[in-house]
Amino acid sequence: MPLGLFDLHCHLLYGIDDGAVSLEESLRAVQMAWDEGISHIVFTPHYTPGKVSAEKEVILERINEVREAAENAGIQGIKYYCGNEVLYVSGVEELLKQGEIFTIADTKYVLLEFYQGVRYQDMFQGLSRVVRKGYIPVLAHVERYVCLYQSVERIEELRDLGIVIQMNTECFFQRIPDVRMVWYRKLMKAGYVQLISTDAHGADRKPPRMRKAVEWLERHCDQGLVERVLYENPARLLEGRIL
């Protein structure tokens, strides 16, 4: 598999959230990502408003520590970026304006998640508030939200709002997918999904896996869509450009 893939959603920084627990595990996970063809990693530790989160300085220090350890181990070709996966609650948009939250690579893009059972009206209103503050939400793991399942109309409404739709690579692992995954794969083939990411949580539990998803895309989607999802869209996002 050629190098050059992007992972814009993962939890591989050790000791920050529910991801990697040690520098050694972070390093093994980065090696796995490299072996999967990933050369751009955005670390996105969880940020939950109202709960204790790691200081921004600590996160930046950990990124530098992982980078240095990886380079010393001979992994020379990966570029590292910072972000947060932010659980949306009312007031998140103000925390963004105050600089309390990392956007993706210091752009206007911000990775947002919701509770899986969120009402669509609440999701739409929350995303709209973030957009009005000048940010571009990236909706994390679209496949998890009950309110979006089997509703192309709602997906289209989110896209019209300017929301970037991200799907986890695990959606493409099953050889015989369940009914839900069949529908989300159709969503991908129809061009509604703009990014895929691993949402990896370490080297041992939910490691970074990209290869099978890439192989599925190459078998089932037209080449233009494959290029956009795997390369063009994430590259533009990291540059702060509109997708």
Protein backbone atom coordinates (compact mmCIF):
# COMPACT_ATOMS: atom_id res chain seq x y z
CA MET A 1 0.00 0.00 0.00
CA PRO A 2 1.43 3.42 -0.91
CA LEU A 3 2.21 5.81 1.88
CA GLY A 4 0.44 9.11 2.16
CA LEU A 5 -2.81 8.25 3.95
CA PHE A 6 -4.35 10.53 6.57
CA ASP A 7 -5.81 9.66 9.97
CA LEU A 8 -7.64 12.69 11.32
CA HIS A 9 -9.25 11.01 14.34
CA CYS A 10 -7.37 8.84 16.83
CA HIS A 11 -6.52 8.49 20.51
CA LEU A 12 -2.89 7.40 20.42
CA LEU A 13 -1.38 9.91 22.86
CA TYR A 14 -0.62 8.05 26.05
CA GLY A 15 -2.12 8.94 29.40
CA ILE A 16 -4.49 11.60 28.08
CA ASP A 17 -7.86 9.89 27.67
CA ASP A 18 -9.14 6.32 27.15
CA GLY A 19 -6.52 5.64 24.49
CA ALA A 20 -2.89 4.53 24.77
CA VAL A 21 -1.65 4.13 28.34
CA SER A 22 2.13 4.44 27.92
CA LEU A 23 4.74 5.94 25.63
CA GLU A 24 5.66 2.41 24.61
CA GLU A 25 2.08 1.73 23.50
CA SER A 26 1.88 5.06 21.67
CA LEU A 27 5.06 4.17 19.82
CA ARG A 28 3.78 0.71 18.88
CA ALA A 29 0.52 2.25 17.65
CA VAL A 30 2.38 4.80 15.54
CA GLN A 31 4.42 1.96 14.02
CA MET A 32 1.16 0.14 13.23
CA ALA A 33 -0.25 3.27 11.61
CA TRP A 34 2.89 3.60 9.49
CA ASP A 35 2.61 -0.05 8.46
CA GLU A 36 -1.00 0.62 7.42
CA GLY A 37 0.17 3.36 5.06
CA ILE A 38 -0.62 6.36 7.28
CA SER A 39 1.79 9.28 7.05
CA HIS A 40 -0.35 12.05 8.60
CA ILE A 41 -1.73 11.59 12.13
CA VAL A 42 -4.00 14.03 13.94
CA PHE A 43 -4.11 13.23 17.65
CA THR A 44 -7.63 13.97 18.88
CA PRO A 45 -7.92 13.26 22.62
CA HIS A 46 -11.42 13.47 24.05
CA TYR A 47 -12.60 16.81 25.38
CA THR A 48 -15.75 16.74 27.50
CA PRO A 49 -16.89 20.15 28.78
CA GLY A 50 -17.28 20.19 32.53
CA LYS A 51 -14.87 17.33 33.10
CA VAL A 52 -11.17 17.48 33.89
CA SER A 53 -9.13 17.41 30.68
CA ALA A 54 -5.40 17.41 30.10
CA GLU A 55 -3.83 20.85 29.83
CA LYS A 56 -3.14 21.92 26.28
CA GLU A 57 0.55 22.25 27.11
CA VAL A 58 0.66 18.63 28.28
CA ILE A 59 -0.92 17.43 25.04
CA LEU A 60 1.60 19.35 22.96
CA GLU A 61 4.46 17.99 25.06
CA ARG A 62 3.20 14.43 24.58
CA ILE A 63 3.01 14.91 20.81
CA ASN A 64 6.61 16.07 20.74
CA GLU A 65 7.59 13.15 22.94
CA VAL A 66 5.91 10.63 20.64
CA ARG A 67 7.40 12.29 17.57
CA GLU A 68 10.91 12.14 19.01
CA ALA A 69 10.50 8.52 20.13
CA ALA A 70 9.18 7.51 16.72
CA GLU A 71 12.01 9.21 14.88
CA ASN A 72 14.56 7.57 17.19
CA ALA A 73 12.91 4.23 16.37
CA GLY A 74 13.39 4.86 12.66
CA ILE A 75 9.87 6.05 11.81
CA GLN A 76 10.85 9.18 9.93
CA GLY A 77 8.02 9.89 7.51
CA ILE A 78 4.99 10.74 9.66
CA LYS A 79 3.66 14.24 10.18
CA TYR A 80 1.85 14.87 13.46
CA TYR A 81 -0.95 17.33 14.22
CA CYS A 82 -3.11 18.21 17.18
CA GLY A 83 -6.86 18.36 17.69
CA ASN A 84 -9.60 17.30 20.10
CA GLU A 85 -12.64 15.10 19.77
CA VAL A 86 -15.19 17.33 21.47
CA LEU A 87 -18.42 16.04 22.96
CA TYR A 88 -20.98 18.65 22.02
CA VAL A 89 -22.96 20.23 24.83
CA SER A 90 -24.44 23.70 24.95
CA GLY A 91 -21.65 26.22 25.30
CA VAL A 92 -18.97 24.35 23.34
CA GLU A 93 -18.96 27.12 20.76
CA GLU A 94 -17.93 29.63 23.45
CA LEU A 95 -15.12 27.36 24.65
CA LEU A 96 -13.87 27.25 21.08
CA LYS A 97 -13.84 31.03 20.85
CA GLN A 98 -11.97 31.20 24.17
CA GLY A 99 -9.26 28.87 22.86
CA GLU A 100 -9.97 26.13 25.40
CA ILE A 101 -10.27 23.46 22.70
CA PHE A 102 -7.89 22.35 19.97
CA THR A 103 -9.27 22.65 16.48
CA ILE A 104 -7.78 20.30 13.89
CA ALA A 105 -4.25 21.45 13.07
CA ASP A 106 -5.12 24.98 14.21
CA THR A 107 -7.67 25.41 11.41
CA LYS A 108 -11.37 26.29 11.61
CA TYR A 109 -12.24 22.59 11.47
CA VAL A 110 -13.29 21.01 14.77
CA LEU A 111 -14.02 17.32 15.39
CA LEU A 112 -17.36 17.00 17.19
CA GLU A 113 -19.21 14.01 18.56
CA PHE A 114 -22.64 13.63 20.13
CA TYR A 115 -24.28 11.08 22.36
CA GLN A 116 -25.37 8.18 20.16
CA GLY A 117 -29.03 8.63 21.01
CA VAL A 118 -29.09 12.39 20.37
CA ARG A 119 -32.25 13.78 18.78
CA TYR A 120 -31.65 15.06 15.27
CA GLN A 121 -33.10 18.46 16.14
CA ASP A 122 -30.58 18.83 18.97
CA MET A 123 -27.70 17.71 16.75
CA PHE A 124 -28.64 20.13 13.99
CA GLN A 125 -29.07 23.05 16.38
CA GLY A 126 -25.74 22.34 18.08
CA LEU A 127 -23.86 22.11 14.80
CA SER A 128 -25.55 25.28 13.60
CA ARG A 129 -24.33 27.18 16.67
CA VAL A 130 -20.76 26.09 16.00
CA VAL A 131 -21.05 27.12 12.34
CA ARG A 132 -22.38 30.54 13.32
CA LYS A 133 -19.24 31.08 15.42
CA GLY A 134 -17.14 30.63 12.29
CA TYR A 135 -16.05 27.00 12.69
CA ILE A 136 -16.53 24.01 10.40
CA PRO A 137 -17.67 20.93 12.31
CA VAL A 138 -16.37 17.51 11.35
CA LEU A 139 -19.02 15.05 12.54
CA ALA A 140 -17.17 12.12 14.10
CA HIS A 141 -18.17 8.52 13.30
CA VAL A 142 -21.42 9.27 11.48
CA GLU A 143 -22.37 5.58 11.63
CA ARG A 144 -23.09 5.73 15.38
CA TYR A 145 -26.04 8.11 15.46
CA VAL A 146 -29.46 6.53 15.54
CA CYS A 147 -31.10 9.73 14.28
CA LEU A 148 -29.14 9.62 10.99
CA TYR A 149 -29.61 5.97 10.10
CA GLN A 150 -31.61 5.51 6.88
CA SER A 151 -32.15 9.26 6.48
CA VAL A 152 -30.34 10.56 3.43
CA GLU A 153 -32.41 13.73 3.79
CA ARG A 154 -30.83 14.51 7.16
CA ILE A 155 -27.35 13.74 5.85
CA GLU A 156 -28.00 16.12 2.95
CA GLU A 157 -29.23 18.79 5.35
CA LEU A 158 -26.02 18.50 7.36
CA ARG A 159 -23.91 18.68 4.22
CA ASP A 160 -25.85 21.79 3.12
CA LEU A 161 -24.99 23.34 6.50
CA GLY A 162 -21.32 22.79 5.69
CA ILE A 163 -20.74 19.84 8.01
CA VAL A 164 -17.93 17.45 7.08
CA ILE A 165 -18.97 13.81 7.45
CA GLN A 166 -16.39 11.38 8.89
CA MET A 167 -16.81 7.60 8.98
CA ASN A 168 -14.70 5.12 10.94
CA THR A 169 -12.67 2.57 9.01
CA GLU A 170 -14.18 -0.29 11.01
CA CYS A 171 -17.33 0.12 8.91
CA PHE A 172 -15.48 -1.69 6.13
CA PHE A 173 -14.00 -4.62 8.08
CA GLN A 174 -16.91 -7.10 7.94
CA ARG A 175 -16.93 -9.35 4.89
CA ILE A 176 -20.66 -9.84 5.39
CA PRO A 177 -21.83 -6.54 6.92
CA ASP A 178 -24.91 -6.18 9.08
CA VAL A 179 -27.90 -4.21 7.85
CA ARG A 180 -26.72 -0.93 9.32
CA MET A 181 -23.28 -1.18 7.77
CA VAL A 182 -24.81 -2.01 4.39
CA TRP A 183 -26.66 1.30 4.51
CA TYR A 184 -23.61 3.31 5.58
CA ARG A 185 -21.50 1.72 2.89
CA LYS A 186 -24.12 2.84 0.38
CA LEU A 187 -23.79 6.32 1.86
CA MET A 188 -20.07 6.19 1.13
CA LYS A 189 -20.56 4.98 -2.44
CA ALA A 190 -23.08 7.77 -3.04
CA GLY A 191 -20.48 10.39 -2.10
CA TYR A 192 -21.93 11.68 1.17
CA VAL A 193 -18.89 10.81 3.30
CA GLN A 194 -15.84 13.06 2.97
CA LEU A 195 -13.34 11.47 5.37
CA ILE A 196 -12.47 8.11 6.88
CA SER A 197 -10.42 7.76 10.06
CA THR A 198 -9.39 4.93 12.35
CA ASP A 199 -10.60 6.30 15.71
CA ALA A 200 -7.82 4.07 17.06
CA HIS A 201 -7.40 3.84 20.83
CA GLY A 202 -3.96 2.26 21.11
CA ALA A 203 -1.88 -0.67 19.96
CA ASP A 204 -3.76 -3.35 21.88
CA ARG A 205 -7.38 -2.19 22.01
CA LYS A 206 -8.74 -0.91 18.71
CA PRO A 207 -5.42 -0.40 16.90
CA PRO A 208 -5.07 1.87 13.85
CA ARG A 209 -6.40 -0.04 10.86
CA MET A 210 -6.72 1.59 7.47
CA ARG A 211 -5.72 -1.05 4.92
CA LYS A 212 -9.00 -2.98 4.72
CA ALA A 213 -11.02 0.22 4.36
CA VAL A 214 -8.80 1.42 1.52
CA GLU A 215 -9.13 -1.93 -0.23
CA TRP A 216 -12.92 -1.78 0.08
CA LEU A 217 -13.06 1.74 -1.33
CA GLU A 218 -10.86 0.78 -4.26
CA ARG A 219 -13.12 -2.19 -5.06
CA HIS A 220 -16.49 -0.50 -4.68
CA CYS A 221 -16.12 3.25 -5.39
CA ASP A 222 -15.12 5.20 -8.45
CA GLN A 223 -11.53 6.38 -8.55
CA GLY A 224 -12.42 10.05 -8.21
CA LEU A 225 -14.29 9.42 -4.97
CA VAL A 226 -11.43 7.30 -3.64
CA GLU A 227 -8.92 10.07 -4.33
CA ARG A 228 -11.11 12.68 -2.65
CA VAL A 229 -11.83 10.67 0.49
CA LEU A 230 -8.33 9.30 1.03
CA TYR A 231 -6.13 12.16 -0.12
CA GLU A 232 -7.67 15.37 -1.43
CA ASN A 233 -10.19 16.11 1.32
CA PRO A 234 -7.91 15.46 4.31
CA ALA A 235 -5.06 17.37 2.69
CA ARG A 236 -7.29 20.38 2.06
CA LEU A 237 -8.67 20.18 5.59
CA LEU A 238 -5.21 20.27 7.17
CA GLU A 239 -4.45 23.35 5.07
CA GLY A 240 -7.64 25.01 6.31
CA ARG A 241 -9.23 25.01 2.86
CA ILE A 242 -12.87 24.34 2.03
CA LEU A 243 -13.60 20.79 0.90
